[in-house]
Structures are given as C-alpha cells and as structure tokens.
Protein backbone atom coordinates (compact mmCIF):
# COMPACT_ATOMS: atom_id res chain seq x y z
CA UNK A 1 -5.18 13.88 14.81
CA UNK A 2 -1.56 13.86 15.82
CA UNK A 3 0.87 16.65 15.39
CA UNK A 4 2.43 15.05 12.24
CA UNK A 5 -0.94 14.76 10.60
CA UNK A 6 -1.66 18.39 11.39
CA UNK A 7 1.73 19.42 9.85
CA UNK A 8 1.08 17.34 6.77
CA UNK A 9 -2.39 18.85 6.32
CA UNK A 10 -0.96 22.33 6.68
CA UNK A 11 1.66 21.60 4.00
CA UNK A 12 -1.01 20.32 1.59
CA UNK A 13 -3.41 23.41 2.19
CA UNK A 14 -0.42 25.88 1.91
CA UNK A 15 0.41 24.40 -1.54
CA UNK A 16 -3.20 24.31 -2.54
CA UNK A 17 -3.92 27.94 -1.55
CA UNK A 18 -0.51 29.19 -2.61
CA UNK A 19 0.52 27.13 -5.55
CA UNK A 20 4.15 27.27 -6.73
CA UNK A 21 5.11 27.11 -10.36
CA UNK A 22 1.60 27.09 -11.62
CA UNK A 23 0.99 28.40 -15.19
CA UNK A 24 2.24 26.98 -18.48
CA UNK A 25 4.90 28.71 -20.74
CA UNK A 26 4.50 28.90 -24.55
CA UNK A 27 8.10 27.72 -25.03
CA UNK A 28 9.05 24.78 -27.37
CA UNK A 29 11.96 23.88 -25.11
CA UNK A 30 9.39 22.37 -22.67
CA UNK A 31 7.96 18.88 -22.89
CA UNK A 32 4.29 18.89 -22.23
CA UNK A 33 1.85 16.22 -21.13
CA UNK A 34 -1.73 16.43 -20.31
CA UNK A 35 -3.61 13.84 -18.31
CA UNK A 36 -7.32 13.94 -17.25
CA UNK A 37 -8.90 11.54 -14.79
CA UNK A 38 -12.50 11.07 -15.95
CA UNK A 39 -13.42 9.43 -12.67
CA UNK A 40 -12.95 12.42 -10.55
CA UNK A 41 -12.43 15.35 -12.95
CA UNK A 42 -8.75 16.09 -12.13
CA UNK A 43 -7.32 17.61 -15.28
CA UNK A 44 -3.67 18.60 -15.44
CA UNK A 45 -0.99 19.61 -17.86
CA UNK A 46 2.65 19.40 -16.88
CA UNK A 47 5.71 21.00 -18.53
CA UNK A 48 9.35 20.27 -17.89
CA UNK A 49 12.41 21.89 -19.15
CA UNK A 50 15.46 19.63 -19.13
CA UNK A 51 18.94 21.20 -19.96
CA UNK A 52 22.27 19.46 -19.72
CA UNK A 53 20.71 16.59 -17.74
CA UNK A 54 19.17 18.99 -15.16
CA UNK A 55 15.50 19.64 -14.49
CA UNK A 56 15.66 23.43 -14.98
CA UNK A 57 11.89 24.01 -14.56
CA UNK A 58 8.61 22.19 -13.96
CA UNK A 59 5.33 23.98 -14.48
CA UNK A 60 1.79 22.82 -14.32
CA UNK A 61 -1.75 24.07 -14.75
CA UNK A 62 -5.17 22.45 -14.42
CA UNK A 63 -8.11 21.85 -12.22
CA UNK A 64 -8.72 19.31 -9.57
CA UNK A 65 -9.12 18.64 -5.92
CA UNK A 66 -6.77 19.92 -3.10
CA UNK A 67 -4.75 16.72 -3.20
CA UNK A 68 -4.20 16.84 -7.01
CA UNK A 69 -3.36 20.59 -7.22
CA UNK A 70 -1.20 20.65 -4.04
CA UNK A 71 0.63 17.56 -5.09
CA UNK A 72 1.50 19.21 -8.53
CA UNK A 73 2.84 22.29 -6.64
CA UNK A 74 4.87 20.18 -4.20
CA UNK A 75 6.17 18.04 -7.15
CA UNK A 76 7.42 21.17 -9.08
CA UNK A 77 9.27 22.44 -6.05
CA UNK A 78 10.75 18.92 -5.27
CA UNK A 79 12.11 18.24 -8.87
CA UNK A 80 13.46 21.68 -10.07
CA UNK A 81 17.25 21.62 -9.93
CA UNK A 82 17.51 17.81 -9.71
CA UNK A 83 19.48 15.77 -12.17
CA UNK A 84 17.12 14.03 -14.64
CA UNK A 85 17.89 10.61 -13.33
CA UNK A 86 17.34 11.79 -9.76
CA UNK A 87 14.11 13.36 -10.68
CA UNK A 88 12.93 10.19 -12.37
CA UNK A 89 13.89 8.17 -9.27
CA UNK A 90 12.04 10.62 -6.95
CA UNK A 91 8.86 10.42 -9.03
CA UNK A 92 9.13 6.53 -9.26
CA UNK A 93 9.64 6.43 -5.43
CA UNK A 94 6.80 8.76 -4.70
CA UNK A 95 4.35 6.66 -6.88
CA UNK A 96 5.50 3.44 -5.32
CA UNK A 97 4.92 5.05 -1.91
CA UNK A 98 1.45 6.01 -2.72
CA UNK A 99 0.51 2.67 -4.22
CA UNK A 100 2.01 0.77 -1.30
CA UNK A 101 4.72 -0.86 -3.39
CA UNK A 102 8.27 -1.47 -2.24
CA UNK A 103 10.32 1.68 -2.47
CA UNK A 104 13.69 3.01 -1.59
CA UNK A 105 13.10 4.86 1.70
CA UNK A 106 16.47 6.51 1.35
CA UNK A 107 15.28 8.62 -1.58
CA UNK A 108 14.56 12.10 -0.19
CA UNK A 109 10.98 12.97 -1.16
CA UNK A 110 11.25 16.29 0.63
CA UNK A 111 7.72 17.70 1.24
CA UNK A 112 6.16 14.99 -1.09
CA UNK A 113 6.37 12.66 1.90
CA UNK A 114 3.28 14.39 3.26
CA UNK A 115 1.23 12.34 0.77
CA UNK A 116 2.11 9.00 2.25
CA UNK A 117 -1.22 8.90 4.20
CA UNK A 118 -3.16 8.90 0.80
CA UNK A 119 -2.46 5.15 0.41
CA UNK A 120 -5.22 4.64 3.02
CA UNK A 121 -7.64 6.13 0.61
CA UNK A 122 -7.44 4.16 -2.72
CA UNK A 123 -9.78 6.57 -4.49
CA UNK A 124 -7.47 9.42 -3.80
CA UNK A 125 -4.15 7.86 -5.08
CA UNK A 126 -4.82 8.99 -8.60
CA UNK A 127 -5.41 12.50 -7.38
CA UNK A 128 -2.03 12.51 -5.62
CA UNK A 129 -0.17 10.92 -8.44
CA UNK A 130 -1.61 12.41 -11.74
CA UNK A 131 0.86 15.33 -11.86
CA UNK A 132 3.80 13.02 -11.16
CA UNK A 133 2.79 10.62 -13.94
CA UNK A 134 2.63 13.50 -16.29
CA UNK A 135 5.98 14.53 -15.20
CA UNK A 136 7.30 11.10 -15.94
CA UNK A 137 5.55 11.38 -19.35
CA UNK A 138 7.57 14.54 -20.10
CA UNK A 139 10.85 12.63 -19.33
CA UNK A 140 9.76 9.79 -21.72
CA UNK A 141 8.80 12.31 -24.57
CA UNK A 142 12.37 13.67 -24.66
C-alpha cells in the first residue's frame, strides 16, 4: 500500500469513528430523504437546509458499513456552505467519479476524493454513493 492509499484509509476511518454532522433535526425547514440498500443493508437518511441558495446544513443518520457512514460524514463537511448549484455539481461529479463516468476534474471534491479507489470494487459503489444520492434527492424535493 502506498502513502496515498494509507492517507485515504486514515481519512475514511477518521470519519467513520468520529462522524461529523450525524444526527437528524426535527425542523420543517430541512428537506429529508431516506434511502435503503437492501443488498448490503446500508440505511441512511439525509437532511439538507438550503437558505438563500446556500447549503446551510447537511445532516445524516443511519447504519451501514464504514464506506457508507464515512462517506456521509465527508459529504456533509464538503457541502455545507456551498452555493446550491455548486453543491449539486460536486455531488454529480463525485457520483460520476465513483461510477467511472466522465467528470470534471476541476471540481474540488475536497476530502471526498479519497473514495476514488472505490470504483475498483463495484459492489461498494452503492455504499459510497447512497448518502450523496439522498442529498441530491433533497435538492430535487425543494
């Protein structure tokens, strides 16, 4: 394992063991989407609060593997404070990166880039993308 892979693994495990923005709020201002992957058992709910075109907050809760849960944590940190359009572009870029589709490499995925290696493990792509797809769903439900 090279140094970059070690660093990526450390980021993933840090977010898994010390999740950021975990826990849902009982606030009608938040859009909420729940997604469950019956194949592997990942079960996640994502909330987003968009005000004046800015992602003010992203929260999540659920159960799943380390890839699923850490990805949700990274997603929340990556998207909070972004313009809605930029957050949507980041989420699309991230999912395209995972699924080995063409994507704009100039889009700054921040720590989310650590999941790039997941594309080598097709069964884990859903784990790494489920929270991001739920976030996209919150944008569509606005």
